[in-house]
Every structure is written in structure tokens, then in C-alpha cells.
Amino acid sequence: MEPRNLYTLFLKITCSFNELKKILDVNSRTLSDKLKGLTKYGYIERYVEFGPPLRVKYILTKKGRNAALLALPLLYYLSSSTLKK
């Protein structure tokens, strides 16, 4: 599981693929693989909005929100420990 992906969606509610890519500063292939895994295990849902242009949005499921909340202390610890260095 990737806590940064879940936490970003937790804060933004919904996010497009390109928004996530920009926020997380990752390449398309890596993000696509992570999102497929999170969708497969039920942490996020993928919504396709048809019409020009085609848009894909991602949203956390209840399971994903709970996981993001559980990951908050870990993310805080990691961010504070890297600031000390």
C-alpha cells in the first residue's frame, strides 16, 4: 500500500490521474501501477467521465479512508524525522 497516494486522495476527496501525477511527482507508469493495486484491493474506486475529453477520477473507499487515517501517524513521523536530518 502506498500511504502518500491514500493521503493525497484523503485530502483532495477526488483527484484525476494528472493531478495525482503532479502532486506526487511520479511518472505515469509508476502511478498507474500503484492505482491499479489500490483499486484491486478496494482502497480506491476509479470513475470514468465520458465525453470530450475523457476523464478518469479516483476516490477513496471507506476502507481507503480508514487506511489513510491509520497511516497519518506514520506519515507525520516520517516527515518529522526527515526534517531533522
N, C-alpha and C. Protein backbone atom coordinates (compact mmCIF):
# COMPACT_ATOMS: atom_id res chain seq x y z
N MET A 1 0.84 -1.17 0.00
CA MET A 1 0.00 0.00 0.00
C MET A 1 0.89 1.24 0.00
N GLU A 2 0.46 2.25 -0.69
CA GLU A 2 1.23 3.49 -0.79
C GLU A 2 0.51 4.58 0.01
N PRO A 3 1.01 4.91 1.21
CA PRO A 3 0.33 5.91 2.06
C PRO A 3 0.19 7.28 1.42
N ARG A 4 1.18 7.71 0.63
CA ARG A 4 1.09 9.04 0.01
C ARG A 4 -0.09 9.15 -0.93
N ASN A 5 -0.36 8.09 -1.71
CA ASN A 5 -1.50 8.11 -2.63
C ASN A 5 -2.80 8.22 -1.84
N LEU A 6 -2.93 7.41 -0.80
CA LEU A 6 -4.15 7.42 0.00
C LEU A 6 -4.33 8.76 0.70
N TYR A 7 -3.26 9.29 1.26
CA TYR A 7 -3.35 10.55 1.99
C TYR A 7 -3.70 11.70 1.05
N THR A 8 -3.15 11.72 -0.14
CA THR A 8 -3.48 12.76 -1.12
C THR A 8 -4.96 12.71 -1.46
N LEU A 9 -5.48 11.51 -1.71
CA LEU A 9 -6.91 11.38 -2.00
C LEU A 9 -7.76 11.72 -0.78
N PHE A 10 -7.25 11.41 0.39
CA PHE A 10 -7.96 11.74 1.63
C PHE A 10 -8.14 13.26 1.74
N LEU A 11 -7.11 14.00 1.41
CA LEU A 11 -7.17 15.46 1.49
C LEU A 11 -7.98 16.08 0.36
N LYS A 12 -7.85 15.55 -0.84
CA LYS A 12 -8.47 16.16 -2.02
C LYS A 12 -9.88 15.63 -2.33
N ILE A 13 -10.33 14.56 -1.69
CA ILE A 13 -11.60 13.89 -1.92
C ILE A 13 -11.59 13.14 -3.25
N THR A 14 -11.53 13.84 -4.37
CA THR A 14 -11.37 13.17 -5.67
C THR A 14 -10.18 13.80 -6.38
N CYS A 15 -9.58 13.03 -7.26
CA CYS A 15 -8.40 13.52 -7.96
C CYS A 15 -8.32 12.83 -9.32
N SER A 16 -7.92 13.58 -10.31
CA SER A 16 -7.69 12.98 -11.62
C SER A 16 -6.30 12.35 -11.65
N PHE A 17 -6.07 11.55 -12.65
CA PHE A 17 -4.76 10.91 -12.80
C PHE A 17 -3.67 11.96 -12.90
N ASN A 18 -3.89 12.98 -13.73
CA ASN A 18 -2.86 14.00 -13.93
C ASN A 18 -2.61 14.83 -12.67
N GLU A 19 -3.67 15.10 -11.89
CA GLU A 19 -3.49 15.82 -10.63
C GLU A 19 -2.61 15.01 -9.68
N LEU A 20 -2.92 13.72 -9.57
CA LEU A 20 -2.12 12.84 -8.70
C LEU A 20 -0.67 12.79 -9.16
N LYS A 21 -0.49 12.68 -10.46
CA LYS A 21 0.86 12.61 -11.02
C LYS A 21 1.66 13.87 -10.67
N LYS A 22 1.01 15.02 -10.78
CA LYS A 22 1.68 16.29 -10.49
C LYS A 22 1.96 16.43 -8.99
N ILE A 23 0.99 16.12 -8.15
CA ILE A 23 1.14 16.26 -6.70
C ILE A 23 2.22 15.32 -6.16
N LEU A 24 2.18 14.08 -6.62
CA LEU A 24 3.10 13.07 -6.09
C LEU A 24 4.46 13.07 -6.80
N ASP A 25 4.55 13.77 -7.92
CA ASP A 25 5.80 13.87 -8.68
C ASP A 25 6.37 12.48 -9.02
N VAL A 26 5.51 11.68 -9.69
CA VAL A 26 5.92 10.35 -10.13
C VAL A 26 5.64 10.23 -11.63
N ASN A 27 6.25 9.23 -12.26
CA ASN A 27 5.97 9.03 -13.67
C ASN A 27 4.65 8.27 -13.86
N SER A 28 4.13 8.32 -15.06
CA SER A 28 2.82 7.75 -15.36
C SER A 28 2.75 6.26 -15.10
N ARG A 29 3.79 5.54 -15.48
CA ARG A 29 3.80 4.08 -15.31
C ARG A 29 3.74 3.69 -13.83
N THR A 30 4.55 4.33 -13.01
CA THR A 30 4.56 4.04 -11.58
C THR A 30 3.22 4.34 -10.95
N LEU A 31 2.66 5.51 -11.26
CA LEU A 31 1.37 5.89 -10.70
C LEU A 31 0.29 4.93 -11.15
N SER A 32 0.28 4.58 -12.42
CA SER A 32 -0.72 3.66 -12.95
C SER A 32 -0.67 2.32 -12.21
N ASP A 33 0.53 1.80 -12.01
CA ASP A 33 0.69 0.53 -11.30
C ASP A 33 0.17 0.62 -9.86
N LYS A 34 0.50 1.71 -9.17
CA LYS A 34 0.06 1.89 -7.79
C LYS A 34 -1.46 2.01 -7.71
N LEU A 35 -2.05 2.77 -8.63
CA LEU A 35 -3.50 2.95 -8.62
C LEU A 35 -4.23 1.65 -8.94
N LYS A 36 -3.69 0.86 -9.85
CA LYS A 36 -4.30 -0.44 -10.16
C LYS A 36 -4.31 -1.33 -8.92
N GLY A 37 -3.19 -1.35 -8.19
CA GLY A 37 -3.12 -2.16 -6.97
C GLY A 37 -4.09 -1.67 -5.90
N LEU A 38 -4.17 -0.35 -5.71
CA LEU A 38 -5.09 0.20 -4.71
C LEU A 38 -6.54 -0.07 -5.09
N THR A 39 -6.84 -0.05 -6.39
CA THR A 39 -8.19 -0.36 -6.86
C THR A 39 -8.49 -1.84 -6.66
N LYS A 40 -7.53 -2.68 -7.00
CA LYS A 40 -7.71 -4.13 -6.88
C LYS A 40 -8.02 -4.55 -5.44
N TYR A 41 -7.37 -3.91 -4.47
CA TYR A 41 -7.57 -4.28 -3.07
C TYR A 41 -8.65 -3.47 -2.37
N GLY A 42 -9.37 -2.62 -3.13
CA GLY A 42 -10.53 -1.95 -2.59
C GLY A 42 -10.27 -0.69 -1.80
N TYR A 43 -9.09 -0.09 -1.96
CA TYR A 43 -8.79 1.16 -1.24
C TYR A 43 -9.30 2.39 -1.98
N ILE A 44 -9.37 2.30 -3.31
CA ILE A 44 -9.88 3.42 -4.10
C ILE A 44 -10.83 2.89 -5.16
N GLU A 45 -11.64 3.80 -5.70
CA GLU A 45 -12.52 3.49 -6.82
C GLU A 45 -12.14 4.40 -7.98
N ARG A 46 -12.28 3.86 -9.16
CA ARG A 46 -11.92 4.59 -10.39
C ARG A 46 -13.22 4.92 -11.12
N TYR A 47 -13.41 6.20 -11.44
CA TYR A 47 -14.59 6.64 -12.17
C TYR A 47 -14.17 7.25 -13.49
N VAL A 48 -14.86 6.83 -14.55
CA VAL A 48 -14.59 7.37 -15.88
C VAL A 48 -15.73 8.31 -16.24
N GLU A 49 -15.39 9.55 -16.58
CA GLU A 49 -16.35 10.54 -17.05
C GLU A 49 -16.23 10.62 -18.57
N PHE A 50 -17.27 10.16 -19.25
CA PHE A 50 -17.24 10.13 -20.71
C PHE A 50 -17.55 11.50 -21.28
N GLY A 51 -17.15 11.69 -22.50
CA GLY A 51 -17.38 12.95 -23.19
C GLY A 51 -16.07 13.62 -23.44
N PRO A 52 -16.08 14.45 -24.44
CA PRO A 52 -14.81 15.08 -24.74
C PRO A 52 -14.45 16.10 -23.67
N PRO A 53 -13.31 16.00 -23.10
CA PRO A 53 -12.37 14.87 -23.14
C PRO A 53 -12.76 13.81 -22.11
N LEU A 54 -12.28 12.61 -22.33
CA LEU A 54 -12.47 11.52 -21.39
C LEU A 54 -11.66 11.81 -20.13
N ARG A 55 -12.30 11.70 -18.96
CA ARG A 55 -11.60 11.98 -17.70
C ARG A 55 -11.72 10.80 -16.76
N VAL A 56 -10.66 10.53 -16.04
CA VAL A 56 -10.67 9.47 -15.03
C VAL A 56 -10.40 10.10 -13.68
N LYS A 57 -11.28 9.82 -12.73
CA LYS A 57 -11.14 10.36 -11.37
C LYS A 57 -11.00 9.19 -10.41
N TYR A 58 -10.31 9.44 -9.31
CA TYR A 58 -10.13 8.44 -8.27
C TYR A 58 -10.67 8.99 -6.97
N ILE A 59 -11.30 8.09 -6.19
CA ILE A 59 -11.86 8.47 -4.90
C ILE A 59 -11.61 7.33 -3.91
N LEU A 60 -11.40 7.70 -2.66
CA LEU A 60 -11.18 6.69 -1.63
C LEU A 60 -12.48 5.96 -1.29
N THR A 61 -12.37 4.69 -1.02
CA THR A 61 -13.48 3.93 -0.46
C THR A 61 -13.44 4.10 1.06
N LYS A 62 -14.40 3.53 1.74
CA LYS A 62 -14.40 3.58 3.20
C LYS A 62 -13.14 2.90 3.74
N LYS A 63 -12.79 1.79 3.14
CA LYS A 63 -11.56 1.07 3.52
C LYS A 63 -10.33 1.96 3.31
N GLY A 64 -10.30 2.70 2.21
CA GLY A 64 -9.19 3.59 1.91
C GLY A 64 -9.10 4.75 2.88
N ARG A 65 -10.27 5.32 3.26
CA ARG A 65 -10.26 6.41 4.24
C ARG A 65 -9.74 5.92 5.57
N ASN A 66 -10.17 4.74 5.99
CA ASN A 66 -9.69 4.18 7.26
C ASN A 66 -8.19 3.93 7.22
N ALA A 67 -7.70 3.41 6.11
CA ALA A 67 -6.26 3.17 5.97
C ALA A 67 -5.49 4.49 6.00
N ALA A 68 -6.02 5.53 5.35
CA ALA A 68 -5.35 6.83 5.35
C ALA A 68 -5.28 7.40 6.77
N LEU A 69 -6.36 7.26 7.52
CA LEU A 69 -6.36 7.74 8.91
C LEU A 69 -5.35 6.98 9.76
N LEU A 70 -5.25 5.68 9.54
CA LEU A 70 -4.27 4.88 10.29
C LEU A 70 -2.84 5.23 9.90
N ALA A 71 -2.64 5.68 8.67
CA ALA A 71 -1.30 6.00 8.18
C ALA A 71 -0.83 7.39 8.61
N LEU A 72 -1.73 8.24 9.09
CA LEU A 72 -1.35 9.61 9.46
C LEU A 72 -0.19 9.67 10.46
N PRO A 73 -0.22 8.91 11.56
CA PRO A 73 0.92 8.97 12.48
C PRO A 73 2.24 8.57 11.82
N LEU A 74 2.19 7.57 10.96
CA LEU A 74 3.39 7.14 10.24
C LEU A 74 3.91 8.25 9.33
N LEU A 75 3.02 8.88 8.59
CA LEU A 75 3.43 9.97 7.70
C LEU A 75 4.00 11.14 8.49
N TYR A 76 3.39 11.45 9.63
CA TYR A 76 3.89 12.53 10.47
C TYR A 76 5.30 12.19 10.97
N TYR A 77 5.47 10.97 11.44
CA TYR A 77 6.78 10.54 11.94
C TYR A 77 7.84 10.63 10.84
N LEU A 78 7.50 10.11 9.67
CA LEU A 78 8.46 10.12 8.57
C LEU A 78 8.81 11.54 8.14
N SER A 79 7.82 12.42 8.10
CA SER A 79 8.11 13.79 7.68
C SER A 79 8.92 14.53 8.74
N SER A 80 8.65 14.28 10.01
CA SER A 80 9.41 14.97 11.06
C SER A 80 10.83 14.42 11.17
N SER A 81 11.01 13.14 10.93
CA SER A 81 12.36 12.58 11.01
C SER A 81 13.23 13.01 9.84
N THR A 82 12.64 13.25 8.68
CA THR A 82 13.43 13.72 7.55
C THR A 82 13.76 15.20 7.68
N LEU A 83 12.93 15.96 8.40
CA LEU A 83 13.22 17.38 8.61
C LEU A 83 14.40 17.58 9.57
N LYS A 84 14.61 16.62 10.47
CA LYS A 84 15.68 16.72 11.45
C LYS A 84 17.06 16.50 10.83
N LYS A 85 17.11 15.83 9.69
CA LYS A 85 18.39 15.50 9.07
C LYS A 85 19.00 16.65 8.34
